[in-house]
Each structure stands twice: as structure tokens, then as C-alpha cells.
């Protein structure tokens, strides 16, 4: 009993901080989602009207669709690229330390600076990458006018900036796999592909699931890239949920609708992330289940 009291006494500051910083604001936002609230007015209880307002708004569904496309594209492509780079670096590669530093460099740059850099390079009228595409006879990405081009550039930008996070998780997990397994597989005549599918992938599943969960959470909250690049335009066609929430709160001053949007975002992110991870887990363990 004494040891239990000491344990709770030692962790109580951390628990108190979690309650004050996370739990209390979350409960307040949840309560706010059932009220009509704006600047200079006391919140007025309206029940589920805010959720009804959000769910009947076509801009919300457009933002949800854009978010789903962008998030899945980012997570899927980034995961494949990070896995390939991690496998490459786990073998022999010249100047390994310098190459790892180069791969990790984008993560040291803030999101705002990243957007400014890519916005300059992809400028439709004079950016270096736009000029290079023109010299190759390829059409430019007119992201300021074409919504699909804008979302595509957001995906590229986010992958470039956050690839180091996924890479370092997978790379460190790869380094933790004992080399004895691969040596035994070579003795048994297994080629590189069989070693990858029978040894590397099964032993990487915990790290893969962690990487996928965190990237889904981070990617679903994507805001800076879209807001600084297109602002949700043209005509709100490139809005994502975080931009939609921001506009409801600070452009239209409707904090109740913004709070309801936040809780709907939480629900949607949980559903999307759990669905993808369930499919991933089912694919990895299909043979065992059968």
C-alpha cells in the first residue's frame, strides 16, 4: 500500500498537467460545440444545431473529401519512400553519415519556411522547377488556379518535410533486427526478396504501425501547407478540415460550429486511421490467421 501511494505521489504532477493541458480544454471545446458562441457574447445552448449546421454544409464535405485524398496520399507514398530509403541505408552505402544528415535535413526546417521555399520553386510564372519542366516539354503545375495541382503540391511538400520522421522510425527498427536471421536465411538458400518478406517485414510490423498511426494523426491535422500555399482557394476547392475549422472560428467568428468541426475531425481521423491499420494488420497476418 505504501509503495502504491509513493507511486501515485510521484506521477501525480504529470497526471495533473495532462488533465489541465489536455482533458479540461477538450471538455470545454466539447461543451462549446453545443452552444452558439462568438466574440463579445455569452455562449448560448443550442444542442446539436452546430453539428447539424456542419453536416449540411457542402464545404465541409468538400473539405473532408480533400482531407481524405491528401492524407491517404501522403501516408501511403511517404511510407513506401521511407521504407525504400531505410532498406537502402541499412545495407552498404557510401558516406552514410552525410547521407543520413541530408535525409533528415528537411525535418529541421519549419513548415512556414518549407512552404515558402516550395512556393518559390513551383511558381507558375518563373519558379526554377517550373522552368525545368518547361525545358523538358512538360506542362507546369498551375496550383494557383487548378485545385488538383494545388492538392498535389501539398502532398509533395508534406512528404518532403515529414519523410525524415517515418524514415528514422523504420531505419532504427531495421538496425535492431539481428543479422543472424539473414545469415541463416542465406544458408537456407533464401534470396533477397524472401529475406525481405519473411524476415524484415514481420519484424518491422510494430515500428510500421507506430509510424502509420503518428503520420495519420499528423497528416490529418494538415493546415500550414494548405493555408500558406492556396488559402483553401480557388473558391474553397482546396480546403481541408483544419482550414475549414480555422475559417469558421476566426473568419466567421462562429466558435460553436468550429468546436463541432473539431470533434467531427477527431471522429473522422480515428475512423480513417483505425480502418487503414486494420487492413495493414490483416494483410500482414493473413497467413497466420488462415
Protein backbone atom coordinates (compact mmCIF):
# COMPACT_ATOMS: atom_id res chain seq x y z
CA UNK A 1 0.00 0.00 0.00
CA UNK A 2 2.85 2.35 0.87
CA UNK A 3 4.57 1.68 -2.45
CA UNK A 4 1.31 2.37 -4.30
CA UNK A 5 0.94 5.71 -2.50
CA UNK A 6 4.50 6.61 -3.39
CA UNK A 7 3.86 5.66 -7.00
CA UNK A 8 0.76 7.87 -7.30
CA UNK A 9 2.54 10.69 -5.48
CA UNK A 10 5.41 10.58 -7.98
CA UNK A 11 3.21 10.51 -11.10
CA UNK A 12 0.62 13.00 -9.80
CA UNK A 13 2.37 16.10 -11.26
CA UNK A 14 2.40 14.56 -14.74
CA UNK A 15 -1.24 13.46 -14.40
CA UNK A 16 -2.26 16.92 -13.18
CA UNK A 17 -0.52 18.51 -16.15
CA UNK A 18 -2.27 16.14 -18.57
CA UNK A 19 -5.64 16.94 -17.01
CA UNK A 20 -5.08 20.70 -17.10
CA UNK A 21 -3.49 20.89 -20.54
CA UNK A 22 -5.46 18.20 -22.42
CA UNK A 23 -8.55 16.96 -20.63
CA UNK A 24 -10.01 20.25 -19.37
CA UNK A 25 -9.66 22.11 -22.72
CA UNK A 26 -11.11 19.10 -24.56
CA UNK A 27 -14.16 19.06 -22.27
CA UNK A 28 -14.57 22.81 -22.72
CA UNK A 29 -14.44 22.52 -26.52
CA UNK A 30 -16.93 19.65 -26.35
CA UNK A 31 -19.32 21.82 -24.30
CA UNK A 32 -18.70 24.75 -26.65
CA UNK A 33 -19.77 22.60 -29.61
CA UNK A 34 -23.33 22.59 -28.19
CA UNK A 35 -23.52 26.37 -27.86
CA UNK A 36 -23.82 29.43 -30.05
CA UNK A 37 -20.72 31.47 -29.31
CA UNK A 38 -18.97 34.43 -30.89
CA UNK A 39 -16.96 37.50 -29.92
CA UNK A 40 -18.45 39.62 -27.15
CA UNK A 41 -21.39 37.26 -26.43
CA UNK A 42 -22.00 34.68 -23.74
CA UNK A 43 -22.37 31.11 -25.06
CA UNK A 44 -25.99 30.12 -25.63
CA UNK A 45 -27.04 26.46 -25.52
CA UNK A 46 -28.29 25.23 -28.92
CA UNK A 47 -27.94 21.45 -28.57
CA UNK A 48 -27.00 19.60 -31.75
CA UNK A 49 -27.64 22.55 -34.07
CA UNK A 50 -23.93 23.16 -34.65
CA UNK A 51 -23.38 19.56 -35.73
CA UNK A 52 -26.43 19.79 -38.00
CA UNK A 53 -25.06 23.02 -39.50
CA UNK A 54 -21.68 21.45 -40.19
CA UNK A 55 -23.06 18.22 -41.65
CA UNK A 56 -25.36 20.03 -44.07
CA UNK A 57 -22.62 22.39 -45.25
CA UNK A 58 -21.30 21.27 -48.68
CA UNK A 59 -17.97 22.98 -47.99
CA UNK A 60 -17.46 20.67 -45.00
CA UNK A 61 -17.93 17.57 -47.16
CA UNK A 62 -15.63 19.02 -49.82
CA UNK A 63 -13.01 19.67 -47.14
CA UNK A 64 -13.47 16.15 -45.76
CA UNK A 65 -13.03 14.65 -49.24
CA UNK A 66 -9.89 16.73 -49.86
CA UNK A 67 -8.52 15.73 -46.45
CA UNK A 68 -9.09 12.03 -47.11
CA UNK A 69 -7.36 12.22 -50.50
CA UNK A 70 -4.42 14.27 -49.22
CA UNK A 71 -3.92 12.27 -46.01
CA UNK A 72 -4.02 8.86 -47.66
CA UNK A 73 -1.74 10.02 -50.47
CA UNK A 74 0.76 11.48 -48.01
CA UNK A 75 0.80 8.49 -45.66
CA UNK A 76 0.88 5.83 -48.40
CA UNK A 77 3.54 7.43 -50.60
CA UNK A 78 5.66 8.63 -47.69
CA UNK A 79 5.61 5.17 -46.09
CA UNK A 80 6.77 3.47 -49.30
CA UNK A 81 9.54 6.01 -49.86
CA UNK A 82 10.70 5.89 -46.24
CA UNK A 83 10.77 2.09 -46.32
CA UNK A 84 12.84 2.11 -49.50
CA UNK A 85 15.32 4.64 -48.13
CA UNK A 86 15.56 2.80 -44.79
CA UNK A 87 16.28 -0.53 -46.51
CA UNK A 88 18.86 1.17 -48.74
CA UNK A 89 20.61 2.76 -45.79
CA UNK A 90 20.55 -0.43 -43.73
CA UNK A 91 22.89 -2.02 -46.28
CA UNK A 92 26.18 -0.65 -47.56
CA UNK A 93 26.08 2.94 -48.75
CA UNK A 94 28.99 5.39 -49.16
CA UNK A 95 29.19 8.42 -46.87
CA UNK A 96 26.42 7.01 -44.68
CA UNK A 97 26.59 9.71 -42.00
CA UNK A 98 26.45 12.52 -44.55
CA UNK A 99 23.60 10.86 -46.45
CA UNK A 100 21.58 10.40 -43.26
CA UNK A 101 22.13 14.07 -42.41
CA UNK A 102 20.87 15.06 -45.86
CA UNK A 103 17.73 12.92 -45.48
CA UNK A 104 17.00 14.34 -42.02
CA UNK A 105 17.66 17.97 -43.02
CA UNK A 106 14.08 18.84 -44.15
CA UNK A 107 12.74 17.99 -40.68
CA UNK A 108 14.88 20.78 -39.20
CA UNK A 109 13.08 23.38 -41.34
CA UNK A 110 9.85 24.90 -40.05
CA UNK A 111 6.66 24.31 -42.01
CA UNK A 112 6.31 28.00 -42.88
CA UNK A 113 9.80 28.18 -44.39
CA UNK A 114 9.19 24.90 -46.24
CA UNK A 115 6.04 26.27 -47.85
CA UNK A 116 7.80 29.50 -48.84
CA UNK A 117 10.66 27.56 -50.44
CA UNK A 118 8.39 25.27 -52.43
CA UNK A 119 6.07 28.13 -53.35
CA UNK A 120 9.04 29.96 -54.87
CA UNK A 121 10.40 26.88 -56.68
CA UNK A 122 6.96 25.97 -58.07
CA UNK A 123 5.89 29.48 -59.01
CA UNK A 124 3.79 29.03 -62.18
CA UNK A 125 5.40 32.01 -63.89
CA UNK A 126 9.08 31.78 -63.04
CA UNK A 127 9.95 29.13 -60.49
CA UNK A 128 13.09 27.04 -61.06
CA UNK A 129 11.16 23.75 -61.13
CA UNK A 130 8.54 25.27 -63.45
CA UNK A 131 11.29 26.36 -65.84
CA UNK A 132 12.89 22.90 -65.68
CA UNK A 133 9.55 21.28 -66.55
CA UNK A 134 9.12 23.70 -69.46
CA UNK A 135 12.60 22.84 -70.78
CA UNK A 136 11.61 19.18 -70.71
CA UNK A 137 8.44 19.94 -72.62
CA UNK A 138 6.20 19.19 -69.61
CA UNK A 139 3.27 21.35 -68.51
CA UNK A 140 3.71 23.40 -65.31
CA UNK A 141 1.79 22.83 -62.09
CA UNK A 142 -0.62 25.75 -62.08
CA UNK A 143 -1.51 25.25 -58.42
CA UNK A 144 -2.83 28.81 -58.02
CA UNK A 145 -5.70 28.10 -60.43
CA UNK A 146 -6.09 24.32 -60.73
CA UNK A 147 -7.34 22.68 -57.47
CA UNK A 148 -5.90 19.24 -58.26
CA UNK A 149 -2.47 20.79 -58.89
CA UNK A 150 -2.68 22.63 -55.59
CA UNK A 151 -3.50 19.48 -53.63
CA UNK A 152 -0.78 17.58 -55.48
CA UNK A 153 1.78 20.20 -54.47
CA UNK A 154 0.55 20.00 -50.87
CA UNK A 155 1.16 16.23 -50.93
CA UNK A 156 4.69 16.66 -52.34
CA UNK A 157 5.53 19.37 -49.82
CA UNK A 158 4.26 17.37 -46.84
CA UNK A 159 6.08 14.21 -47.90
CA UNK A 160 9.33 16.13 -48.38
CA UNK A 161 9.04 17.75 -44.96
CA UNK A 162 7.92 14.74 -42.89
CA UNK A 163 9.70 11.86 -44.65
CA UNK A 164 12.60 12.01 -42.13
CA UNK A 165 10.21 11.18 -39.27
CA UNK A 166 8.96 7.97 -40.88
CA UNK A 167 12.44 7.13 -42.15
CA UNK A 168 14.12 7.36 -38.75
CA UNK A 169 11.47 5.12 -37.13
CA UNK A 170 11.85 2.42 -39.77
CA UNK A 171 15.64 2.77 -40.05
CA UNK A 172 16.26 2.37 -36.31
CA UNK A 173 13.92 -0.63 -36.25
CA UNK A 174 15.84 -2.18 -39.15
CA UNK A 175 19.12 -1.73 -37.32
CA UNK A 176 17.63 -3.62 -34.37
CA UNK A 177 16.99 -6.80 -36.41
CA UNK A 178 19.74 -9.36 -35.63
CA UNK A 179 21.94 -10.11 -38.63
CA UNK A 180 21.95 -13.78 -37.65
CA UNK A 181 18.48 -14.16 -39.13
CA UNK A 182 19.67 -13.05 -42.56
CA UNK A 183 22.78 -15.22 -42.40
CA UNK A 184 20.66 -18.27 -41.54
CA UNK A 185 18.26 -17.44 -44.40
CA UNK A 186 21.18 -17.21 -46.85
CA UNK A 187 22.39 -20.62 -45.72
CA UNK A 188 18.90 -21.98 -46.41
CA UNK A 189 19.01 -20.50 -49.92
CA UNK A 190 16.58 -17.59 -49.44
CA UNK A 191 17.05 -14.77 -51.93
CA UNK A 192 16.88 -11.05 -51.06
CA UNK A 193 13.13 -10.81 -51.72
CA UNK A 194 12.29 -13.74 -49.47
CA UNK A 195 14.51 -12.32 -46.74
CA UNK A 196 12.66 -9.02 -47.03
CA UNK A 197 9.17 -10.55 -46.95
CA UNK A 198 9.83 -13.34 -44.43
CA UNK A 199 12.22 -11.58 -42.03
CA UNK A 200 12.27 -7.81 -42.47
CA UNK A 201 8.55 -7.10 -42.86
CA UNK A 202 7.28 -9.32 -39.98
CA UNK A 203 9.87 -7.94 -37.56
CA UNK A 204 9.15 -4.36 -38.63
CA UNK A 205 5.39 -4.54 -38.02
CA UNK A 206 5.47 -2.79 -34.61
CA UNK A 207 7.55 0.09 -35.97
CA UNK A 208 5.41 0.25 -39.11
CA UNK A 209 2.19 0.51 -37.09
CA UNK A 210 3.68 3.24 -34.89
CA UNK A 211 4.81 5.18 -37.96
CA UNK A 212 1.40 4.85 -39.62
CA UNK A 213 -0.53 5.90 -36.52
CA UNK A 214 1.58 9.00 -35.91
CA UNK A 215 1.63 10.03 -39.56
CA UNK A 216 -2.14 9.67 -39.82
CA UNK A 217 -2.55 11.87 -36.76
CA UNK A 218 -0.09 14.49 -38.03
CA UNK A 219 -1.30 14.41 -41.63
CA UNK A 220 -4.97 14.70 -40.68
CA UNK A 221 -4.24 17.99 -38.94
CA UNK A 222 -2.52 19.43 -42.03
CA UNK A 223 -3.02 23.18 -42.08
CA UNK A 224 0.10 25.28 -42.71
CA UNK A 225 0.84 23.80 -46.13
CA UNK A 226 -2.67 24.44 -47.46
CA UNK A 227 -3.24 27.76 -45.76
CA UNK A 228 0.06 29.32 -46.81
CA UNK A 229 0.02 27.85 -50.31
CA UNK A 230 -3.56 28.27 -51.54
CA UNK A 231 -5.55 29.57 -48.56
CA UNK A 232 -8.17 26.97 -49.45
CA UNK A 233 -8.79 28.54 -52.85
CA UNK A 234 -9.63 28.98 -55.56
CA UNK A 235 -13.28 29.22 -54.46
CA UNK A 236 -12.63 26.98 -51.41
CA UNK A 237 -11.87 23.99 -53.64
CA UNK A 238 -8.61 23.07 -51.88
CA UNK A 239 -9.83 23.42 -48.31
CA UNK A 240 -9.01 20.69 -45.82
CA UNK A 241 -10.76 20.21 -42.49
CA UNK A 242 -8.24 22.21 -40.47
CA UNK A 243 -8.61 25.19 -42.85
CA UNK A 244 -12.41 24.84 -42.72
CA UNK A 245 -12.28 24.88 -38.90
CA UNK A 246 -9.97 27.91 -38.89
CA UNK A 247 -12.29 29.89 -41.15
CA UNK A 248 -15.35 29.02 -39.08
CA UNK A 249 -13.62 30.20 -35.91
CA UNK A 250 -11.61 33.25 -36.97
CA UNK A 251 -13.14 34.44 -40.24
CA UNK A 252 -16.83 33.83 -39.49
CA UNK A 253 -16.43 34.04 -35.65
CA UNK A 254 -18.64 31.01 -35.08
CA UNK A 255 -16.85 29.20 -32.27
CA UNK A 256 -19.64 26.70 -31.71
CA UNK A 257 -19.53 25.44 -35.28
CA UNK A 258 -15.72 25.40 -35.15
CA UNK A 259 -15.79 23.32 -31.95
CA UNK A 260 -18.25 20.89 -33.52
CA UNK A 261 -15.98 20.63 -36.56
CA UNK A 262 -13.06 19.82 -34.27
CA UNK A 263 -14.86 16.91 -32.67
CA UNK A 264 -16.02 15.64 -36.05
CA UNK A 265 -12.39 15.81 -37.19
CA UNK A 266 -11.36 13.72 -34.21
CA UNK A 267 -14.00 11.10 -35.02
CA UNK A 268 -13.08 11.04 -38.72
CA UNK A 269 -9.35 10.71 -38.01
CA UNK A 270 -9.96 7.82 -35.61
CA UNK A 271 -12.13 6.02 -38.14
CA UNK A 272 -9.74 6.59 -41.04
CA UNK A 273 -6.61 5.64 -39.11
CA UNK A 274 -8.09 2.54 -37.48
CA UNK A 275 -9.51 1.33 -40.81
CA UNK A 276 -6.16 1.64 -42.59
CA UNK A 277 -4.20 -0.01 -39.77
CA UNK A 278 -6.74 -2.83 -39.58
CA UNK A 279 -6.26 -3.54 -43.28
CA UNK A 280 -2.48 -3.38 -42.88
CA UNK A 281 -2.55 -5.75 -39.91
CA UNK A 282 -4.91 -8.14 -41.69
CA UNK A 283 -2.66 -8.26 -44.76
CA UNK A 284 0.47 -8.89 -42.70
CA UNK A 285 -1.05 -11.72 -40.69
CA UNK A 286 -3.30 -13.27 -43.33
CA UNK A 287 -1.28 -16.48 -43.50
CA UNK A 288 -1.24 -16.86 -39.72
CA UNK A 289 -4.98 -16.28 -39.47
CA UNK A 290 -5.67 -18.91 -42.07
